[in-house]
Amino acid sequence: MGFSVSGATAVVFIGLLVSAAALYPAVDHYTERHADALAADDERSLTRQNTDIEIAAAATSGDTTTLTVDIDNTGASTLAVSKVDLLVDGTIVVPDEAAVDGTTITNGGAKGERGKLTGEKGRETCVKITTGRGVAATVEGE
């Protein structure tokens, strides 16, 4: 009874050490990925808070097929034109032209700049602009 109890205790203790050695890297990796995810979420939330847009004007031309929407970037972050969506009466409209302060662009508009989207669409009743960050502005038409 003398060696068998102490031998069994040693085997159990060694088993606990081996399992702890295998468990530690997994837990460490999980906590690191969790912290990275929280930091990325905080960054996205801050960017969303710093994003704001207003629709300055939305009008159709005389032929009622060309819609022009003027958008003011009133937030602190630059908007990517490729991530701005134009919805007219609930339908996504792909703009024929995008310009910021009169210059045709494809990349983005900084704070305080006015953007203009031009697309083909009939007389609008509701125009909505959404950004890639989930910020939206809506204006009711005629």
N, C-alpha and C. Protein backbone atom coordinates (compact mmCIF):
# COMPACT_ATOMS: atom_id res chain seq x y z
N MET A 1 0.82 -1.18 0.00
CA MET A 1 0.00 0.00 0.00
C MET A 1 0.87 1.25 0.00
N GLY A 2 2.06 1.17 0.33
CA GLY A 2 2.94 2.31 0.42
C GLY A 2 3.28 2.90 -0.93
N PHE A 3 3.75 2.10 -1.88
CA PHE A 3 4.17 2.64 -3.18
C PHE A 3 2.98 2.84 -4.11
N SER A 4 1.98 2.03 -4.02
CA SER A 4 0.88 2.13 -4.97
C SER A 4 0.11 3.44 -4.81
N VAL A 5 -0.07 3.91 -3.58
CA VAL A 5 -0.77 5.17 -3.35
C VAL A 5 0.09 6.33 -3.84
N SER A 6 1.35 6.36 -3.49
CA SER A 6 2.22 7.45 -3.92
C SER A 6 2.47 7.39 -5.43
N GLY A 7 2.55 6.18 -6.00
CA GLY A 7 2.72 6.05 -7.45
C GLY A 7 1.49 6.54 -8.19
N ALA A 8 0.31 6.21 -7.70
CA ALA A 8 -0.92 6.66 -8.33
C ALA A 8 -1.06 8.18 -8.22
N THR A 9 -0.65 8.71 -7.08
CA THR A 9 -0.69 10.16 -6.89
C THR A 9 0.26 10.85 -7.87
N ALA A 10 1.43 10.29 -8.08
CA ALA A 10 2.40 10.86 -9.03
C ALA A 10 1.85 10.80 -10.46
N VAL A 11 1.21 9.70 -10.84
CA VAL A 11 0.64 9.57 -12.18
C VAL A 11 -0.48 10.60 -12.38
N VAL A 12 -1.34 10.77 -11.38
CA VAL A 12 -2.42 11.75 -11.48
C VAL A 12 -1.83 13.16 -11.58
N PHE A 13 -0.82 13.47 -10.78
CA PHE A 13 -0.20 14.78 -10.80
C PHE A 13 0.46 15.05 -12.16
N ILE A 14 1.15 14.09 -12.72
CA ILE A 14 1.77 14.24 -14.04
C ILE A 14 0.68 14.42 -15.11
N GLY A 15 -0.42 13.71 -15.00
CA GLY A 15 -1.54 13.86 -15.94
C GLY A 15 -2.13 15.26 -15.88
N LEU A 16 -2.25 15.81 -14.67
CA LEU A 16 -2.76 17.17 -14.53
C LEU A 16 -1.81 18.18 -15.16
N LEU A 17 -0.52 17.99 -14.98
CA LEU A 17 0.46 18.89 -15.59
C LEU A 17 0.41 18.84 -17.12
N VAL A 18 0.31 17.63 -17.66
CA VAL A 18 0.24 17.48 -19.12
C VAL A 18 -1.05 18.12 -19.67
N SER A 19 -2.16 17.92 -18.99
CA SER A 19 -3.41 18.51 -19.48
C SER A 19 -3.39 20.03 -19.36
N ALA A 20 -2.80 20.56 -18.30
CA ALA A 20 -2.69 22.00 -18.15
C ALA A 20 -1.78 22.59 -19.23
N ALA A 21 -0.70 21.87 -19.55
CA ALA A 21 0.21 22.33 -20.60
C ALA A 21 -0.47 22.33 -21.97
N ALA A 22 -1.39 21.42 -22.20
CA ALA A 22 -2.11 21.39 -23.46
C ALA A 22 -3.24 22.43 -23.47
N LEU A 23 -3.83 22.72 -22.34
CA LEU A 23 -4.95 23.65 -22.26
C LEU A 23 -4.52 25.11 -22.30
N TYR A 24 -3.37 25.43 -21.74
CA TYR A 24 -2.92 26.82 -21.64
C TYR A 24 -2.82 27.51 -23.01
N PRO A 25 -2.19 26.93 -24.04
CA PRO A 25 -2.11 27.63 -25.33
C PRO A 25 -3.49 27.88 -25.96
N ALA A 26 -4.40 26.96 -25.78
CA ALA A 26 -5.74 27.14 -26.34
C ALA A 26 -6.46 28.30 -25.66
N VAL A 27 -6.39 28.39 -24.36
CA VAL A 27 -7.04 29.47 -23.63
C VAL A 27 -6.36 30.80 -23.95
N ASP A 28 -5.03 30.80 -24.04
CA ASP A 28 -4.29 32.02 -24.37
C ASP A 28 -4.66 32.52 -25.76
N HIS A 29 -4.75 31.62 -26.72
CA HIS A 29 -5.12 31.98 -28.09
C HIS A 29 -6.54 32.55 -28.13
N TYR A 30 -7.46 31.94 -27.39
CA TYR A 30 -8.84 32.42 -27.34
C TYR A 30 -8.90 33.83 -26.76
N THR A 31 -8.23 34.09 -25.66
CA THR A 31 -8.29 35.41 -25.04
C THR A 31 -7.66 36.47 -25.94
N GLU A 32 -6.62 36.12 -26.67
CA GLU A 32 -6.00 37.06 -27.60
C GLU A 32 -6.95 37.39 -28.75
N ARG A 33 -7.59 36.39 -29.32
CA ARG A 33 -8.54 36.63 -30.42
C ARG A 33 -9.75 37.41 -29.93
N HIS A 34 -10.20 37.14 -28.72
CA HIS A 34 -11.33 37.86 -28.15
C HIS A 34 -10.98 39.34 -27.95
N ALA A 35 -9.81 39.62 -27.43
CA ALA A 35 -9.36 41.00 -27.23
C ALA A 35 -9.23 41.73 -28.57
N ASP A 36 -8.70 41.05 -29.59
CA ASP A 36 -8.59 41.65 -30.93
C ASP A 36 -9.96 41.97 -31.51
N ALA A 37 -10.92 41.07 -31.30
CA ALA A 37 -12.27 41.30 -31.81
C ALA A 37 -12.93 42.48 -31.11
N LEU A 38 -12.74 42.61 -29.82
CA LEU A 38 -13.30 43.75 -29.09
C LEU A 38 -12.67 45.06 -29.56
N ALA A 39 -11.37 45.06 -29.80
CA ALA A 39 -10.69 46.27 -30.29
C ALA A 39 -11.21 46.65 -31.69
N ALA A 40 -11.40 45.67 -32.56
CA ALA A 40 -11.92 45.95 -33.90
C ALA A 40 -13.35 46.48 -33.83
N ASP A 41 -14.15 45.94 -32.94
CA ASP A 41 -15.52 46.41 -32.77
C ASP A 41 -15.54 47.84 -32.25
N ASP A 42 -14.67 48.15 -31.31
CA ASP A 42 -14.57 49.52 -30.80
C ASP A 42 -14.18 50.48 -31.91
N GLU A 43 -13.25 50.08 -32.77
CA GLU A 43 -12.82 50.92 -33.89
C GLU A 43 -13.96 51.17 -34.87
N ARG A 44 -14.72 50.11 -35.19
CA ARG A 44 -15.87 50.27 -36.08
C ARG A 44 -16.93 51.18 -35.47
N SER A 45 -17.17 51.05 -34.18
CA SER A 45 -18.16 51.89 -33.50
C SER A 45 -17.74 53.35 -33.51
N LEU A 46 -16.46 53.62 -33.29
CA LEU A 46 -15.96 54.99 -33.32
C LEU A 46 -16.08 55.58 -34.72
N THR A 47 -15.76 54.80 -35.73
CA THR A 47 -15.88 55.28 -37.10
C THR A 47 -17.34 55.56 -37.44
N ARG A 48 -18.24 54.69 -37.00
CA ARG A 48 -19.67 54.90 -37.24
C ARG A 48 -20.16 56.17 -36.55
N GLN A 49 -19.67 56.43 -35.33
CA GLN A 49 -20.07 57.64 -34.61
C GLN A 49 -19.55 58.89 -35.31
N ASN A 50 -18.42 58.79 -35.99
CA ASN A 50 -17.82 59.93 -36.67
C ASN A 50 -18.32 60.09 -38.10
N THR A 51 -19.29 59.30 -38.51
CA THR A 51 -19.84 59.36 -39.86
C THR A 51 -21.23 59.99 -39.80
N ASP A 52 -21.44 61.00 -40.64
CA ASP A 52 -22.76 61.61 -40.73
C ASP A 52 -22.92 62.20 -42.12
N ILE A 53 -24.09 62.04 -42.71
CA ILE A 53 -24.38 62.59 -44.03
C ILE A 53 -25.73 63.28 -44.00
N GLU A 54 -25.89 64.22 -44.89
CA GLU A 54 -27.18 64.89 -45.07
C GLU A 54 -27.44 65.00 -46.57
N ILE A 55 -28.68 64.83 -46.95
CA ILE A 55 -29.07 65.03 -48.35
C ILE A 55 -29.43 66.50 -48.51
N ALA A 56 -28.62 67.22 -49.26
CA ALA A 56 -28.85 68.65 -49.46
C ALA A 56 -29.97 68.89 -50.48
N ALA A 57 -29.99 68.07 -51.53
CA ALA A 57 -31.03 68.22 -52.56
C ALA A 57 -31.17 66.90 -53.30
N ALA A 58 -32.37 66.63 -53.74
CA ALA A 58 -32.65 65.47 -54.59
C ALA A 58 -33.72 65.88 -55.58
N ALA A 59 -33.33 65.93 -56.84
CA ALA A 59 -34.28 66.43 -57.85
C ALA A 59 -34.07 65.71 -59.16
N THR A 60 -35.15 65.63 -59.91
CA THR A 60 -35.07 65.07 -61.26
C THR A 60 -34.97 66.23 -62.25
N SER A 61 -34.33 65.95 -63.37
CA SER A 61 -34.24 66.97 -64.40
C SER A 61 -35.57 67.08 -65.14
N GLY A 62 -35.65 67.98 -66.10
CA GLY A 62 -36.90 68.20 -66.83
C GLY A 62 -37.42 66.97 -67.53
N ASP A 63 -36.53 66.07 -67.96
CA ASP A 63 -36.98 64.88 -68.68
C ASP A 63 -37.42 63.77 -67.73
N THR A 64 -37.32 63.98 -66.44
CA THR A 64 -37.74 63.05 -65.37
C THR A 64 -37.06 61.69 -65.42
N THR A 65 -35.95 61.59 -66.11
CA THR A 65 -35.24 60.31 -66.09
C THR A 65 -33.89 60.42 -65.41
N THR A 66 -33.39 61.62 -65.21
CA THR A 66 -32.10 61.81 -64.56
C THR A 66 -32.31 62.37 -63.16
N LEU A 67 -31.87 61.62 -62.18
CA LEU A 67 -31.99 62.03 -60.78
C LEU A 67 -30.62 62.52 -60.31
N THR A 68 -30.59 63.68 -59.69
CA THR A 68 -29.35 64.22 -59.12
C THR A 68 -29.56 64.40 -57.62
N VAL A 69 -28.64 63.81 -56.84
CA VAL A 69 -28.72 63.89 -55.39
C VAL A 69 -27.44 64.54 -54.88
N ASP A 70 -27.59 65.64 -54.13
CA ASP A 70 -26.45 66.31 -53.50
C ASP A 70 -26.37 65.84 -52.05
N ILE A 71 -25.19 65.37 -51.65
CA ILE A 71 -24.99 64.81 -50.32
C ILE A 71 -23.88 65.60 -49.62
N ASP A 72 -24.13 66.03 -48.39
CA ASP A 72 -23.11 66.71 -47.60
C ASP A 72 -22.54 65.72 -46.59
N ASN A 73 -21.21 65.61 -46.57
CA ASN A 73 -20.53 64.79 -45.58
C ASN A 73 -20.30 65.67 -44.36
N THR A 74 -21.14 65.54 -43.35
CA THR A 74 -21.05 66.38 -42.16
C THR A 74 -20.33 65.68 -41.02
N GLY A 75 -19.86 64.48 -41.25
CA GLY A 75 -19.14 63.74 -40.23
C GLY A 75 -17.65 64.00 -40.32
N ALA A 76 -16.89 63.37 -39.43
CA ALA A 76 -15.44 63.57 -39.36
C ALA A 76 -14.68 62.57 -40.22
N SER A 77 -15.33 61.55 -40.74
CA SER A 77 -14.60 60.54 -41.51
C SER A 77 -14.87 60.68 -43.00
N THR A 78 -13.90 60.23 -43.78
CA THR A 78 -14.00 60.25 -45.23
C THR A 78 -14.87 59.08 -45.68
N LEU A 79 -15.75 59.34 -46.65
CA LEU A 79 -16.63 58.30 -47.17
C LEU A 79 -16.10 57.77 -48.49
N ALA A 80 -16.13 56.48 -48.66
CA ALA A 80 -15.75 55.86 -49.93
C ALA A 80 -16.98 55.84 -50.83
N VAL A 81 -16.85 56.39 -52.02
CA VAL A 81 -17.98 56.44 -52.95
C VAL A 81 -18.46 55.04 -53.29
N SER A 82 -17.53 54.10 -53.38
CA SER A 82 -17.91 52.73 -53.73
C SER A 82 -18.77 52.08 -52.65
N LYS A 83 -18.79 52.66 -51.44
CA LYS A 83 -19.58 52.08 -50.36
C LYS A 83 -20.81 52.92 -50.01
N VAL A 84 -21.14 53.87 -50.87
CA VAL A 84 -22.34 54.66 -50.68
C VAL A 84 -23.40 54.14 -51.64
N ASP A 85 -24.56 53.80 -51.10
CA ASP A 85 -25.65 53.26 -51.91
C ASP A 85 -26.77 54.29 -52.04
N LEU A 86 -27.35 54.34 -53.21
CA LEU A 86 -28.48 55.22 -53.50
C LEU A 86 -29.72 54.37 -53.70
N LEU A 87 -30.72 54.60 -52.88
CA LEU A 87 -32.00 53.89 -53.00
C LEU A 87 -33.08 54.89 -53.37
N VAL A 88 -33.81 54.59 -54.41
CA VAL A 88 -34.92 55.45 -54.84
C VAL A 88 -36.18 54.60 -54.81
N ASP A 89 -37.11 55.00 -53.98
CA ASP A 89 -38.36 54.25 -53.79
C ASP A 89 -38.08 52.78 -53.45
N GLY A 90 -37.05 52.54 -52.65
CA GLY A 90 -36.72 51.19 -52.22
C GLY A 90 -35.92 50.36 -53.20
N THR A 91 -35.54 50.94 -54.34
CA THR A 91 -34.78 50.23 -55.35
C THR A 91 -33.37 50.81 -55.42
N ILE A 92 -32.37 49.94 -55.42
CA ILE A 92 -30.99 50.41 -55.53
C ILE A 92 -30.76 50.92 -56.94
N VAL A 93 -30.22 52.13 -57.01
CA VAL A 93 -29.90 52.76 -58.29
C VAL A 93 -28.39 52.92 -58.36
N VAL A 94 -27.79 52.41 -59.42
CA VAL A 94 -26.35 52.56 -59.61
C VAL A 94 -26.11 53.91 -60.28
N PRO A 95 -25.38 54.82 -59.61
CA PRO A 95 -25.17 56.14 -60.19
C PRO A 95 -24.35 56.08 -61.48
N ASP A 96 -24.74 56.92 -62.45
CA ASP A 96 -23.96 57.04 -63.68
C ASP A 96 -22.70 57.85 -63.43
N GLU A 97 -22.76 58.78 -62.48
CA GLU A 97 -21.64 59.67 -62.21
C GLU A 97 -21.62 60.00 -60.74
N ALA A 98 -20.41 60.12 -60.18
CA ALA A 98 -20.23 60.55 -58.80
C ALA A 98 -19.19 61.66 -58.80
N ALA A 99 -19.48 62.75 -58.11
CA ALA A 99 -18.56 63.87 -58.07
C ALA A 99 -18.54 64.44 -56.66
N VAL A 100 -17.38 64.96 -56.25
CA VAL A 100 -17.24 65.65 -54.97
C VAL A 100 -16.71 67.04 -55.28
N ASP A 101 -17.45 68.04 -54.82
CA ASP A 101 -17.13 69.44 -55.07
C ASP A 101 -16.84 69.69 -56.54
N GLY A 102 -17.63 69.07 -57.41
CA GLY A 102 -17.54 69.29 -58.84
C GLY A 102 -16.54 68.43 -59.57
N THR A 103 -15.74 67.64 -58.86
CA THR A 103 -14.73 66.80 -59.48
C THR A 103 -15.22 65.36 -59.50
N THR A 104 -15.24 64.73 -60.68
CA THR A 104 -15.66 63.33 -60.78
C THR A 104 -14.66 62.46 -60.00
N ILE A 105 -15.18 61.59 -59.15
CA ILE A 105 -14.32 60.78 -58.29
C ILE A 105 -14.77 59.33 -58.28
N THR A 106 -13.90 58.49 -57.77
CA THR A 106 -14.24 57.09 -57.53
C THR A 106 -13.86 56.66 -56.13
N ASN A 107 -13.15 57.51 -55.38
CA ASN A 107 -12.60 57.08 -54.11
C ASN A 107 -13.35 57.58 -52.89
N GLY A 108 -13.38 58.86 -52.62
CA GLY A 108 -14.03 59.29 -51.39
C GLY A 108 -14.18 60.78 -51.28
N GLY A 109 -14.94 61.20 -50.27
CA GLY A 109 -15.15 62.61 -49.99
C GLY A 109 -14.89 62.87 -48.52
N ALA A 110 -14.10 63.90 -48.25
CA ALA A 110 -13.72 64.21 -46.88
C ALA A 110 -14.80 65.05 -46.20
N LYS A 111 -14.59 65.30 -44.92
CA LYS A 111 -15.53 66.08 -44.12
C LYS A 111 -15.74 67.44 -44.76
N GLY A 112 -17.01 67.86 -44.78
CA GLY A 112 -17.35 69.17 -45.28
C GLY A 112 -17.52 69.25 -46.78
N GLU A 113 -17.23 68.21 -47.50
CA GLU A 113 -17.35 68.24 -48.96
C GLU A 113 -18.76 67.83 -49.36
N ARG A 114 -19.19 68.35 -50.51
CA ARG A 114 -20.51 68.00 -51.04
C ARG A 114 -20.33 67.03 -52.19
N GLY A 115 -21.02 65.91 -52.11
CA GLY A 115 -20.99 64.92 -53.17
C GLY A 115 -22.24 65.00 -54.00
N LYS A 116 -22.14 64.56 -55.24
CA LYS A 116 -23.28 64.57 -56.14
C LYS A 116 -23.35 63.23 -56.84
N LEU A 117 -24.49 62.57 -56.77
CA LEU A 117 -24.72 61.32 -57.48
C LEU A 117 -25.76 61.59 -58.55
N THR A 118 -25.50 61.10 -59.75
CA THR A 118 -26.43 61.28 -60.86
C THR A 118 -26.76 59.90 -61.42
N GLY A 119 -28.04 59.61 -61.56
CA GLY A 119 -28.45 58.32 -62.08
C GLY A 119 -29.74 58.42 -62.85
N GLU A 120 -30.05 57.36 -63.56
CA GLU A 120 -31.29 57.31 -64.36
C GLU A 120 -32.41 56.76 -63.49
N LYS A 121 -33.47 57.54 -63.35
CA LYS A 121 -34.63 57.10 -62.59
C LYS A 121 -35.76 58.07 -62.84
N GLY A 122 -36.97 57.60 -62.75
CA GLY A 122 -38.13 58.46 -62.92
C GLY A 122 -38.33 59.37 -61.73
N ARG A 123 -39.45 60.04 -61.68
CA ARG A 123 -39.73 60.98 -60.60
C ARG A 123 -39.77 60.24 -59.27
N GLU A 124 -38.96 60.73 -58.33
CA GLU A 124 -38.80 60.03 -57.05
C GLU A 124 -39.85 60.46 -56.03
N THR A 125 -40.13 59.58 -55.10
CA THR A 125 -40.96 59.94 -53.95
C THR A 125 -40.17 59.77 -52.66
N CYS A 126 -39.14 58.92 -52.66
CA CYS A 126 -38.31 58.73 -51.48
C CYS A 126 -36.89 58.39 -51.92
N VAL A 127 -35.93 59.17 -51.45
CA VAL A 127 -34.52 58.94 -51.77
C VAL A 127 -33.79 58.68 -50.46
N LYS A 128 -32.98 57.62 -50.45
CA LYS A 128 -32.23 57.26 -49.26
C LYS A 128 -30.79 56.99 -49.67
N ILE A 129 -29.85 57.54 -48.90
CA ILE A 129 -28.43 57.32 -49.09
C ILE A 129 -27.93 56.54 -47.88
N THR A 130 -27.23 55.45 -48.12
CA THR A 130 -26.65 54.68 -47.02
C THR A 130 -25.15 54.57 -47.24
N THR A 131 -24.40 54.60 -46.15
CA THR A 131 -22.96 54.43 -46.24
C THR A 131 -22.60 53.01 -45.86
N GLY A 132 -21.37 52.63 -46.15
CA GLY A 132 -20.90 51.29 -45.80
C GLY A 132 -20.84 51.06 -44.31
N ARG A 133 -20.92 52.13 -43.53
CA ARG A 133 -20.87 52.02 -42.07
C ARG A 133 -22.25 51.94 -41.44
N GLY A 134 -23.29 51.94 -42.29
CA GLY A 134 -24.64 51.80 -41.78
C GLY A 134 -25.34 53.11 -41.44
N VAL A 135 -24.72 54.24 -41.76
CA VAL A 135 -25.34 55.53 -41.52
C VAL A 135 -26.17 55.89 -42.75
N ALA A 136 -27.37 56.40 -42.54
CA ALA A 136 -28.26 56.68 -43.66
C ALA A 136 -28.92 58.05 -43.51
N ALA A 137 -29.33 58.60 -44.64
CA ALA A 137 -30.10 59.84 -44.69
C ALA A 137 -31.23 59.62 -45.70
N THR A 138 -32.41 60.12 -45.36
CA THR A 138 -33.58 59.92 -46.23
C THR A 138 -34.26 61.27 -46.45
N VAL A 139 -34.76 61.45 -47.66
CA VAL A 139 -35.55 62.64 -47.97
C VAL A 139 -36.76 62.19 -48.78
N GLU A 140 -37.91 62.75 -48.41
CA GLU A 140 -39.14 62.45 -49.13
C GLU A 140 -39.27 63.43 -50.29
N GLY A 141 -39.62 62.92 -51.45
CA GLY A 141 -39.74 63.76 -52.65
C GLY A 141 -41.13 64.28 -52.84
N GLU A 142 -41.43 64.58 -54.09
CA GLU A 142 -42.72 65.18 -54.45
C GLU A 142 -43.85 64.21 -54.31
